[in-house]
Amino acid sequence: MNPRSIRFRLIMWYAGLLTGAFLLFGIALYQVLRGYLENSLAESLFRRSDQIAVSLLAEIDEKGEGYVSDQIAARFAPQNYDRFIRVSRPDGSVLYASGRTGSFDPSSLPLLAVHDVQGNFVRKELLEDGSRLMMTVKVYQGSNGRRFLIESGGPMAPIKTILSHLLFSLLTGVPLLGLVAVGGGYFLVGRALAPVVKIARSAEQITLHKLNERLPLTKTGDELEHLSLALNRMIVRLSEAFEQNRRFLADASHELRTPLAAWRGEMESVVEQTRGLPELRDRAGSALEEVDRLAKIVEALFAISRLDAGEAQQEWARFDLAPLAASTTEQMSLLAEDKGVSVACDVQGHVSVEGDRARIKQVVVNLLDNAIKYTPSGGSINLHVHASDRKAIMEVADTGIGIPASALPHIFERFFRVDKARPRDAGGAGLGLAIVKSICAAHGGQVEVESTEGRGSRFKVELPLAQPARPNTNI
């Protein structure tokens, strides 16, 4: 996938934002759960301290310290539940302290001075084994004014275990959710861009000869519908402008044909009448050649206007390109022999195409004529016709003077000439290859060129093969 494409960027943004949201949610969940578990542990420890204070220390004057110690051990059994309880007298001495448990030794915990403690609070102690103990500190003042310090603790290992499981789930789940986000983003973005892809494919099908077609409209009222409408209106404007240009070219060519024909007749008459005047005859002959050249230009422009209008399809038929190319090469070989250039034709099997036979022959003639003109004496020209990948391929290769690399992108433009490689006295007005391109486009094909200056050129014409004839099933 192209990393610069809109699809890729949308998927990455979608997956990134969704993964980021999952990550933030996981962090928030981790913090909230940790706070909840720690608060729950602290509340349970404070409740135990409250129970000791209300139910036992409140009766210490009546029942004695021994009773209080025994009741704490009997009722709460801190060693059995891996808990810690310590009650300190006002003078700082210990009234009761739970015994050693499997995880820590209570005697290692520092004593707090009762008179230094002003209120209830929570603290965390780091034990020798690396674990932590949460302790709540509560000050109880009896009716006689005596103050006792009640410390209740519980290990934080269970909380750490729960948070570790959650963290593992998050570290495993967030990447998986990221992959799901990428897959879901690919699917959703594909669905969202499907109308754009459809519009692009339809736009590629609209050619010079299919300006009457329009892009599909999605009746959604969104930006894509507005885009389709805007592009369709643009196609309408282009079609109107092209039609006006084509009509002007056809009308101008048509109007010029008659006066040029009359002018030619007059010039031929002048040439006949100046037989005894050599100088005047030469000038009249030169003028007649220019008239012929201008007439050919007008005929070429008229042919291009007809091709652009799609009139070539009116005379389409199914025929074999191979014998057409062979016979045309044989006809053009006489012109090549006069210049000392060899022409060879290589055809492979039947190459059936559909189109205007006369126009396709014009393609062969123009390419061969072009090659003969610009191939020096002693050079060679080879025409090769074969079928490949549902296409009819015709290649014309020569050993001529070639085309400069800077001119290759413009070689099929109308009236384009390369002064260095196309001398003026060689004839032509830069319309031969433009006609070849128009004929190929009118037949749903294309023409390409490869050339190296000083070494020759290769023109490659591709046309669609004719579809196999369907058997007649009518009875």
Protein backbone atom coordinates (compact mmCIF):
# COMPACT_ATOMS: atom_id res chain seq x y z
CA MET A 1 0.00 0.00 0.00
CA ASN A 2 1.31 3.43 -0.91
CA PRO A 3 2.19 5.26 2.35
CA ARG A 4 1.31 8.56 0.67
CA SER A 5 -2.18 7.48 -0.36
CA ILE A 6 -5.29 8.81 1.31
CA ARG A 7 -6.35 5.25 2.17
CA PHE A 8 -3.10 4.56 4.04
CA ARG A 9 -3.18 7.86 5.92
CA LEU A 10 -6.83 7.45 6.93
CA ILE A 11 -6.20 3.91 8.15
CA MET A 12 -3.17 5.03 10.16
CA TRP A 13 -5.04 7.97 11.66
CA TYR A 14 -8.03 5.78 12.49
CA ALA A 15 -5.91 2.99 13.96
CA GLY A 16 -3.69 5.47 15.81
CA LEU A 17 -6.55 7.38 17.36
CA LEU A 18 -8.44 4.21 18.31
CA THR A 19 -5.31 2.58 19.75
CA GLY A 20 -4.53 5.80 21.61
CA ALA A 21 -8.06 5.85 23.01
CA PHE A 22 -7.70 2.22 24.14
CA LEU A 23 -4.34 3.03 25.69
CA LEU A 24 -5.70 6.03 27.59
CA PHE A 25 -8.68 3.96 28.70
CA GLY A 26 -6.33 1.22 29.92
CA ILE A 27 -4.19 3.72 31.86
CA ALA A 28 -7.28 5.29 33.40
CA LEU A 29 -8.68 1.85 34.26
CA TYR A 30 -5.40 0.86 35.87
CA GLN A 31 -5.27 4.02 37.99
CA VAL A 32 -8.94 3.84 38.99
CA LEU A 33 -8.70 0.17 39.93
CA ARG A 34 -5.52 0.74 41.93
CA GLY A 35 -7.16 3.62 43.80
CA TYR A 36 -10.29 1.59 44.42
CA LEU A 37 -8.39 -1.42 45.78
CA GLU A 38 -6.16 0.69 48.00
CA ASN A 39 -9.12 2.68 49.31
CA SER A 40 -11.03 -0.53 49.99
CA LEU A 41 -8.09 -1.96 51.91
CA ALA A 42 -7.67 1.27 53.87
CA GLU A 43 -11.40 1.37 54.73
CA SER A 44 -11.34 -2.23 55.95
CA LEU A 45 -8.31 -1.48 58.12
CA PHE A 46 -9.97 1.63 59.58
CA ARG A 47 -13.10 -0.40 60.33
CA ARG A 48 -11.02 -2.92 62.23
CA SER A 49 -9.40 -0.09 64.18
CA ASP A 50 -12.83 1.38 64.94
CA GLN A 51 -14.04 -1.98 66.19
CA ILE A 52 -11.01 -2.31 68.48
CA ALA A 53 -11.52 1.20 69.79
CA VAL A 54 -15.26 1.04 70.37
CA SER A 55 -15.70 -2.52 71.55
CA LEU A 56 -12.44 -3.10 73.47
CA LEU A 57 -10.49 0.02 74.38
CA ALA A 58 -13.64 1.68 75.65
CA GLU A 59 -13.77 -1.01 78.42
CA ILE A 60 -10.06 -1.12 79.19
CA ASP A 61 -10.46 0.61 82.55
CA GLU A 62 -13.07 -1.89 83.66
CA LYS A 63 -11.69 -5.14 82.21
CA GLY A 64 -8.00 -4.43 82.04
CA GLU A 65 -5.34 -4.50 79.39
CA GLY A 66 -5.01 -8.26 79.47
CA TYR A 67 -8.62 -8.69 78.49
CA VAL A 68 -8.21 -6.26 75.61
CA SER A 69 -5.12 -8.08 74.30
CA ASP A 70 -6.77 -11.48 74.56
CA GLN A 71 -9.92 -10.26 72.77
CA ILE A 72 -7.95 -8.70 69.91
CA ALA A 73 -6.09 -11.96 69.38
CA ALA A 74 -9.30 -14.02 69.65
CA ARG A 75 -11.61 -11.89 67.59
CA PHE A 76 -9.32 -10.69 64.78
CA ALA A 77 -6.56 -13.35 64.74
CA PRO A 78 -4.29 -11.14 62.60
CA GLN A 79 -1.61 -13.83 62.21
CA ASN A 80 -4.11 -16.18 60.59
CA TYR A 81 -5.15 -13.63 57.98
CA ASP A 82 -1.70 -12.19 57.34
CA ARG A 83 -2.71 -8.95 59.02
CA PHE A 84 -1.01 -6.64 61.45
CA ILE A 85 -2.49 -4.99 64.56
CA ARG A 86 -0.63 -2.95 67.13
CA VAL A 87 -2.02 -0.88 70.02
CA SER A 88 0.27 1.57 71.81
CA ARG A 89 -0.24 3.15 75.26
CA PRO A 90 -0.01 6.88 75.86
CA ASP A 91 3.57 6.56 77.02
CA GLY A 92 4.59 4.87 73.73
CA SER A 93 4.81 1.33 75.09
CA VAL A 94 3.06 -1.48 73.22
CA LEU A 95 -0.19 -2.79 74.66
CA TYR A 96 -0.69 -5.40 71.94
CA ALA A 97 1.21 -6.37 68.80
CA SER A 98 0.38 -9.23 66.48
CA GLY A 99 2.96 -11.93 65.97
CA ARG A 100 5.12 -12.78 63.01
CA THR A 101 3.35 -13.89 59.85
CA GLY A 102 4.62 -15.60 56.75
CA SER A 103 5.27 -12.35 54.88
CA PHE A 104 6.72 -9.97 57.50
CA ASP A 105 7.85 -9.48 61.08
CA PRO A 106 5.74 -6.83 62.88
CA SER A 107 8.57 -6.09 65.30
CA SER A 108 10.54 -4.55 62.43
CA LEU A 109 7.97 -1.82 61.96
CA PRO A 110 8.94 1.49 63.58
CA LEU A 111 6.96 2.69 66.61
CA LEU A 112 5.13 5.97 66.54
CA ALA A 113 4.91 8.29 69.51
CA VAL A 114 1.28 8.73 70.56
CA HIS A 115 1.68 12.38 71.40
CA ASP A 116 3.14 13.10 67.93
CA VAL A 117 0.09 11.79 66.08
CA GLN A 118 -2.63 14.38 65.61
CA GLY A 119 -5.15 12.56 63.40
CA ASN A 120 -5.93 9.47 61.42
CA PHE A 121 -3.83 8.73 58.33
CA VAL A 122 -2.57 5.98 56.04
CA ARG A 123 1.03 5.08 55.40
CA LYS A 124 2.85 2.44 53.38
CA GLU A 125 5.84 0.52 54.64
CA LEU A 126 8.42 -1.28 52.50
CA LEU A 127 9.12 -4.71 54.00
CA GLU A 128 12.32 -6.70 53.95
CA ASP A 129 11.12 -9.02 51.16
CA GLY A 130 10.41 -6.06 48.88
CA SER A 131 6.64 -6.13 49.35
CA ARG A 132 4.61 -3.28 50.76
CA LEU A 133 2.35 -3.08 53.79
CA MET A 134 -0.49 -0.59 54.06
CA MET A 135 -1.02 0.70 57.57
CA THR A 136 -3.78 2.85 59.00
CA VAL A 137 -3.04 4.91 62.08
CA LYS A 138 -5.93 5.86 64.36
CA VAL A 139 -5.85 7.81 67.64
CA TYR A 140 -8.41 6.82 70.23
CA GLN A 141 -9.05 8.92 73.33
CA GLY A 142 -11.00 7.28 76.10
CA SER A 143 -13.47 8.87 78.54
CA ASN A 144 -10.70 9.29 81.08
CA GLY A 145 -8.61 11.24 78.58
CA ARG A 146 -6.09 8.48 77.92
CA ARG A 147 -4.94 8.27 74.27
CA PHE A 148 -4.20 5.02 72.48
CA LEU A 149 -2.65 4.57 69.08
CA ILE A 150 -4.22 1.81 66.96
CA GLU A 151 -2.23 0.62 63.95
CA SER A 152 -3.80 -1.84 61.57
CA GLY A 153 -2.03 -3.16 58.50
CA GLY A 154 -2.53 -5.45 55.58
CA PRO A 155 -0.23 -6.59 52.74
CA MET A 156 -0.58 -4.95 49.35
CA ALA A 157 0.58 -8.08 47.51
CA PRO A 158 -2.98 -9.07 46.47
CA ILE A 159 -3.51 -5.61 45.04
CA LYS A 160 -0.22 -5.87 43.16
CA THR A 161 -1.24 -9.27 41.80
CA ILE A 162 -4.57 -7.97 40.54
CA LEU A 163 -2.91 -4.94 38.96
CA SER A 164 -0.24 -7.14 37.37
CA HIS A 165 -2.93 -9.29 35.76
CA LEU A 166 -4.69 -6.17 34.51
CA LEU A 167 -1.43 -4.72 33.17
CA PHE A 168 -0.66 -7.97 31.35
CA SER A 169 -4.16 -7.96 29.87
CA LEU A 170 -3.70 -4.37 28.72
CA LEU A 171 -0.26 -4.99 27.24
CA THR A 172 -1.63 -7.98 25.37
CA GLY A 173 -5.02 -6.57 24.50
CA VAL A 174 -4.06 -3.09 23.29
CA PRO A 175 -1.80 -4.38 20.44
CA LEU A 176 -4.52 -6.85 19.47
CA LEU A 177 -7.05 -4.06 19.52
CA GLY A 178 -4.62 -2.02 17.41
CA LEU A 179 -4.52 -4.81 14.83
CA VAL A 180 -8.30 -5.03 14.91
CA ALA A 181 -8.41 -1.25 14.46
CA VAL A 182 -6.13 -1.50 11.41
CA GLY A 183 -8.29 -4.25 9.89
CA GLY A 184 -11.50 -2.43 10.72
CA GLY A 185 -10.03 0.81 9.42
CA TYR A 186 -9.04 -0.86 6.17
CA PHE A 187 -12.56 -2.18 5.75
CA LEU A 188 -14.28 1.07 6.74
CA VAL A 189 -11.97 3.28 4.71
CA GLY A 190 -12.42 0.94 1.76
CA ARG A 191 -16.19 1.29 2.08
CA ALA A 192 -15.89 5.05 2.44
CA LEU A 193 -13.57 5.40 -0.58
CA ALA A 194 -15.50 2.94 -2.76
CA PRO A 195 -17.50 5.77 -4.40
CA VAL A 196 -14.25 7.63 -5.06
CA VAL A 197 -12.73 4.53 -6.69
CA LYS A 198 -15.90 4.12 -8.76
CA ILE A 199 -15.73 7.76 -9.85
CA ALA A 200 -12.03 7.38 -10.76
CA ARG A 201 -12.68 4.25 -12.83
CA SER A 202 -15.56 5.91 -14.62
CA ALA A 203 -13.42 8.99 -15.27
CA GLU A 204 -10.71 6.81 -16.83
CA GLN A 205 -13.28 5.42 -19.26
CA ILE A 206 -14.25 8.89 -20.49
CA THR A 207 -12.07 9.58 -23.50
CA LEU A 208 -12.12 12.04 -26.34
CA HIS A 209 -14.68 9.87 -28.10
CA LYS A 210 -16.83 9.27 -25.00
CA LEU A 211 -17.48 12.79 -23.77
CA ASN A 212 -21.20 12.02 -23.74
CA GLU A 213 -20.69 9.72 -20.75
CA ARG A 214 -21.01 10.98 -17.19
CA LEU A 215 -19.66 10.03 -13.80
CA PRO A 216 -21.95 8.04 -11.47
CA LEU A 217 -23.87 10.00 -8.86
CA THR A 218 -24.32 8.78 -5.30
CA LYS A 219 -27.58 10.22 -3.99
CA THR A 220 -26.23 10.96 -0.56
CA GLY A 221 -26.11 14.74 -0.55
CA ASP A 222 -22.52 14.65 0.71
CA GLU A 223 -19.25 15.98 -0.68
CA LEU A 224 -18.86 13.03 -3.07
CA GLU A 225 -22.15 13.82 -4.77
CA HIS A 226 -21.12 17.47 -5.07
CA LEU A 227 -17.77 16.35 -6.53
CA SER A 228 -19.49 14.13 -9.11
CA LEU A 229 -21.85 16.94 -10.09
CA ALA A 230 -18.96 19.41 -10.43
CA LEU A 231 -16.93 16.97 -12.55
CA ASN A 232 -19.95 16.19 -14.75
CA ARG A 233 -20.51 19.91 -15.34
CA MET A 234 -16.83 20.25 -16.21
CA ILE A 235 -17.13 17.35 -18.69
CA VAL A 236 -20.10 19.09 -20.29
CA ARG A 237 -18.08 22.28 -20.71
CA LEU A 238 -15.14 20.33 -22.14
CA SER A 239 -17.45 18.49 -24.51
CA GLU A 240 -18.96 21.73 -25.75
CA ALA A 241 -15.53 23.35 -26.19
CA PHE A 242 -14.18 20.30 -28.00
CA GLU A 243 -17.23 20.10 -30.23
CA GLN A 244 -16.84 23.76 -31.18
CA ASN A 245 -13.15 23.22 -31.94
CA ARG A 246 -13.86 20.10 -33.97
CA ARG A 247 -16.67 21.81 -35.89
CA PHE A 248 -14.41 24.76 -36.64
CA LEU A 249 -11.61 22.48 -37.84
CA ALA A 250 -13.98 20.45 -40.01
CA ASP A 251 -15.69 23.52 -41.45
CA ALA A 252 -12.41 25.29 -42.13
CA SER A 253 -10.91 22.21 -43.78
CA HIS A 254 -14.03 21.68 -45.84
CA GLU A 255 -14.19 25.32 -46.94
CA LEU A 256 -10.50 25.32 -47.91
CA ARG A 257 -10.74 22.23 -50.10
CA THR A 258 -12.75 23.92 -52.86
CA PRO A 259 -10.59 27.06 -53.32
CA LEU A 260 -7.45 24.95 -53.10
CA ALA A 261 -8.75 22.64 -55.82
CA ALA A 262 -9.56 25.65 -57.98
CA TRP A 263 -6.17 27.20 -57.23
CA ARG A 264 -4.44 23.97 -58.18
CA GLY A 265 -6.32 23.84 -61.48
CA GLU A 266 -5.33 27.40 -62.23
CA MET A 267 -1.68 26.75 -61.40
CA GLU A 268 -1.63 23.64 -63.60
CA SER A 269 -3.02 25.76 -66.42
CA VAL A 270 -0.32 28.35 -65.82
CA VAL A 271 2.37 25.67 -65.95
CA GLU A 272 1.02 24.42 -69.28
CA GLN A 273 0.96 27.94 -70.70
CA THR A 274 4.56 28.71 -69.69
CA ARG A 275 6.35 25.96 -71.55
CA GLY A 276 8.41 28.46 -73.50
CA LEU A 277 9.34 30.46 -70.39
CA PRO A 278 11.55 28.24 -68.20
CA GLU A 279 11.99 30.73 -65.37
CA LEU A 280 8.27 31.46 -65.12
CA ARG A 281 7.51 27.76 -65.47
CA ASP A 282 9.80 26.92 -62.52
CA ARG A 283 8.14 29.52 -60.34
CA ALA A 284 4.68 28.28 -61.29
CA GLY A 285 5.79 24.68 -60.60
CA SER A 286 7.11 25.70 -57.20
CA ALA A 287 3.84 27.45 -56.41
CA LEU A 288 1.94 24.33 -57.52
CA GLU A 289 4.01 22.20 -55.15
CA GLU A 290 3.11 24.50 -52.28
CA VAL A 291 -0.56 24.27 -53.28
CA ASP A 292 -0.28 20.45 -53.23
CA ARG A 293 1.41 20.59 -49.83
CA LEU A 294 -1.29 22.90 -48.46
CA ALA A 295 -3.98 20.61 -49.87
CA LYS A 296 -2.42 17.64 -48.09
CA ILE A 297 -2.42 19.58 -44.81
CA VAL A 298 -6.08 20.44 -45.27
CA GLU A 299 -6.92 16.80 -46.06
CA ALA A 300 -5.01 15.69 -42.95
CA LEU A 301 -6.84 18.17 -40.75
CA PHE A 302 -10.15 17.06 -42.24
CA ALA A 303 -9.24 13.42 -41.53
CA ILE A 304 -8.32 14.27 -37.92
CA SER A 305 -11.61 16.11 -37.41
CA ARG A 306 -13.53 13.08 -38.71
CA LEU A 307 -11.58 10.77 -36.42
CA ASP A 308 -12.18 13.01 -33.41
CA ALA A 309 -15.89 12.99 -34.24
CA GLY A 310 -15.93 9.18 -34.22
CA GLU A 311 -16.88 8.86 -37.87
CA ALA A 312 -14.32 6.08 -38.34
CA GLN A 313 -16.57 3.63 -36.51
CA GLN A 314 -19.20 3.94 -39.23
CA GLU A 315 -17.12 1.75 -41.55
CA TRP A 316 -15.85 -0.84 -39.08
CA ALA A 317 -15.40 -4.43 -40.16
CA ARG A 318 -13.53 -7.50 -39.01
CA PHE A 319 -10.30 -8.19 -40.92
CA ASP A 320 -6.84 -9.75 -40.58
CA LEU A 321 -4.12 -7.21 -39.83
CA ALA A 322 -1.29 -9.52 -40.94
CA PRO A 323 -2.01 -9.63 -44.72
CA LEU A 324 -2.94 -5.93 -44.69
CA ALA A 325 0.44 -5.06 -43.20
CA ALA A 326 2.25 -7.42 -45.60
CA SER A 327 0.59 -6.02 -48.73
CA THR A 328 1.12 -2.43 -47.61
CA THR A 329 4.80 -3.14 -46.91
CA GLU A 330 5.18 -4.59 -50.38
CA GLN A 331 3.67 -1.46 -51.90
CA MET A 332 5.92 0.84 -49.85
CA SER A 333 9.04 -1.21 -50.65
CA LEU A 334 9.21 0.42 -54.08
CA LEU A 335 9.64 3.81 -52.46
CA ALA A 336 12.26 2.36 -50.12
CA GLU A 337 14.24 0.80 -52.99
CA ASP A 338 14.53 4.17 -54.70
CA LYS A 339 16.27 5.46 -51.56
CA GLY A 340 18.41 2.37 -51.05
CA VAL A 341 16.60 1.22 -47.88
CA SER A 342 15.60 -2.40 -47.30
CA VAL A 343 12.13 -3.18 -45.92
CA ALA A 344 11.15 -6.51 -44.36
CA CYS A 345 7.80 -7.68 -43.02
CA ASP A 346 7.38 -10.42 -40.42
CA VAL A 347 3.85 -11.58 -39.59
CA GLN A 348 2.93 -14.41 -37.24
CA GLY A 349 -0.39 -16.16 -37.81
CA HIS A 350 -3.78 -14.52 -38.01
CA VAL A 351 -4.22 -11.24 -36.15
CA SER A 352 -7.90 -10.35 -36.36
CA VAL A 353 -9.01 -6.84 -35.46
CA GLU A 354 -12.14 -4.75 -35.90
CA GLY A 355 -12.08 -1.29 -37.38
CA ASP A 356 -11.85 0.81 -40.50
CA ARG A 357 -9.56 -1.11 -42.82
CA ALA A 358 -8.61 2.01 -44.80
CA ARG A 359 -7.69 3.92 -41.63
CA ILE A 360 -5.56 1.08 -40.26
CA LYS A 361 -3.79 0.88 -43.62
CA GLN A 362 -3.15 4.61 -43.32
CA VAL A 363 -1.40 3.89 -39.99
CA VAL A 364 0.90 1.37 -41.70
CA VAL A 365 1.56 3.74 -44.60
CA ASN A 366 2.33 6.72 -42.35
CA LEU A 367 4.70 4.76 -40.12
CA LEU A 368 6.54 3.17 -43.07
CA ASP A 369 6.69 6.46 -44.95
CA ASN A 370 8.04 8.17 -41.85
CA ALA A 371 10.69 5.47 -41.42
CA ILE A 372 11.72 5.60 -45.11
CA LYS A 373 12.07 9.38 -45.04
CA TYR A 374 14.42 9.44 -42.09
CA THR A 375 16.46 6.29 -42.70
CA PRO A 376 19.65 6.94 -44.67
CA SER A 377 20.62 4.89 -47.70
CA GLY A 378 21.83 1.45 -46.72
CA GLY A 379 19.58 1.32 -43.67
CA SER A 380 16.83 -1.16 -42.92
CA ILE A 381 13.21 -1.14 -41.79
CA ASN A 382 11.41 -4.07 -40.20
CA LEU A 383 7.66 -4.38 -39.68
CA HIS A 384 6.52 -7.07 -37.24
CA VAL A 385 2.90 -8.09 -36.57
CA HIS A 386 1.77 -10.58 -33.90
CA ALA A 387 -0.88 -11.11 -31.24
CA SER A 388 -0.09 -10.99 -27.53
CA ASP A 389 -2.21 -10.75 -24.39
CA ARG A 390 -5.48 -10.06 -26.24
CA LYS A 391 -3.85 -7.31 -28.26
CA ALA A 392 -2.75 -6.97 -31.85
CA ILE A 393 0.84 -5.68 -31.86
CA MET A 394 2.43 -3.97 -34.87
CA GLU A 395 6.00 -2.69 -34.58
CA VAL A 396 7.90 -0.62 -37.12
CA ALA A 397 11.62 -0.41 -36.37
CA ASP A 398 14.20 1.45 -38.43
CA THR A 399 17.92 2.25 -38.34
CA GLY A 400 17.35 5.91 -39.11
CA ILE A 401 18.56 9.13 -37.54
CA GLY A 402 16.37 8.69 -34.46
CA ILE A 403 14.54 11.26 -32.36
CA PRO A 404 16.05 13.42 -29.59
CA ALA A 405 14.92 12.47 -26.08
CA SER A 406 13.56 15.98 -25.51
CA ALA A 407 11.23 15.62 -28.50
CA LEU A 408 9.78 12.19 -27.66
CA PRO A 409 6.98 13.49 -25.36
CA HIS A 410 5.76 15.80 -28.17
CA ILE A 411 6.25 13.59 -31.22
CA PHE A 412 2.51 12.85 -31.62
CA GLU A 413 1.39 16.46 -31.26
CA ARG A 414 -0.12 18.18 -34.27
CA PHE A 415 2.28 20.29 -36.35
CA PHE A 416 5.20 19.30 -34.12
CA ARG A 417 8.47 19.07 -36.03
CA VAL A 418 12.01 18.38 -34.88
CA ASP A 419 14.13 20.63 -37.08
CA LYS A 420 17.27 18.62 -36.54
CA ALA A 421 15.71 15.25 -37.27
CA ARG A 422 12.97 16.45 -39.60
CA PRO A 423 14.46 18.60 -42.38
CA ARG A 424 12.10 20.87 -44.17
CA ASP A 425 12.88 19.46 -47.59
CA ALA A 426 11.77 16.01 -46.47
CA GLY A 427 8.18 17.17 -46.67
CA GLY A 428 5.32 16.82 -44.23
CA ALA A 429 3.77 19.27 -41.82
CA GLY A 430 3.98 17.31 -38.58
CA LEU A 431 0.52 15.73 -38.96
CA GLY A 432 1.38 12.16 -39.98
CA LEU A 433 2.03 10.85 -36.47
CA ALA A 434 -0.86 12.91 -35.10
CA ILE A 435 -3.14 11.08 -37.56
CA VAL A 436 -1.65 7.74 -36.47
CA LYS A 437 -2.41 8.55 -32.83
CA SER A 438 -5.98 9.68 -33.65
CA ILE A 439 -6.67 6.50 -35.66
CA CYS A 440 -5.32 4.29 -32.87
CA ALA A 441 -7.37 6.15 -30.25
CA ALA A 442 -10.49 5.86 -32.40
CA HIS A 443 -9.96 2.08 -32.49
CA GLY A 444 -9.42 1.78 -28.73
CA GLY A 445 -5.68 1.35 -29.10
CA GLN A 446 -2.50 3.30 -28.58
CA VAL A 447 0.85 4.03 -30.17
CA GLU A 448 4.21 4.32 -28.43
CA VAL A 449 7.70 5.19 -29.56
CA GLU A 450 11.20 4.30 -28.42
CA SER A 451 14.10 6.06 -30.05
CA THR A 452 17.79 6.77 -29.67
CA GLU A 453 19.22 9.66 -31.60
CA GLY A 454 21.55 8.37 -34.27
CA ARG A 455 20.53 4.72 -33.87
CA GLY A 456 16.91 4.54 -35.02
CA SER A 457 13.34 4.40 -33.76
CA ARG A 458 10.72 1.79 -32.93
CA PHE A 459 7.01 2.60 -33.13
CA LYS A 460 4.66 0.16 -31.41
CA VAL A 461 0.93 0.10 -32.19
CA GLU A 462 -1.45 -1.83 -29.94
CA LEU A 463 -5.03 -2.55 -31.02
CA PRO A 464 -7.65 -4.74 -29.32
CA LEU A 465 -8.04 -8.17 -30.86
CA ALA A 466 -11.42 -8.88 -32.38
CA GLN A 467 -13.75 -10.85 -30.13
CA PRO A 468 -14.32 -14.47 -31.24
CA ALA A 469 -17.46 -14.85 -33.31
CA ARG A 470 -20.34 -16.27 -31.28
CA PRO A 471 -21.94 -19.41 -32.68
CA ASN A 472 -25.40 -18.93 -34.10
CA THR A 473 -27.80 -20.74 -31.77
CA ASN A 474 -30.94 -19.77 -33.64
CA ILE A 475 -32.84 -22.76 -35.01
